[in-house]
Amino acid sequence: QRASRRVFVPVLTPQGATRLGRLAANQAQAQVTRS
């Protein structure tokens, strides 16, 4: 359980949230440019 918690903790932090947001934005742009 500790190992799984470590994986989710970074996501809850502001830095983790911004990283996820950037990744999502990058993927969205990639899909738009491809099409």
Foldseek 3Di string as FASTA:
>chain_A
DVVVVVVCVLCPDPVNVVVVVVVVVVVVVVVVVVD
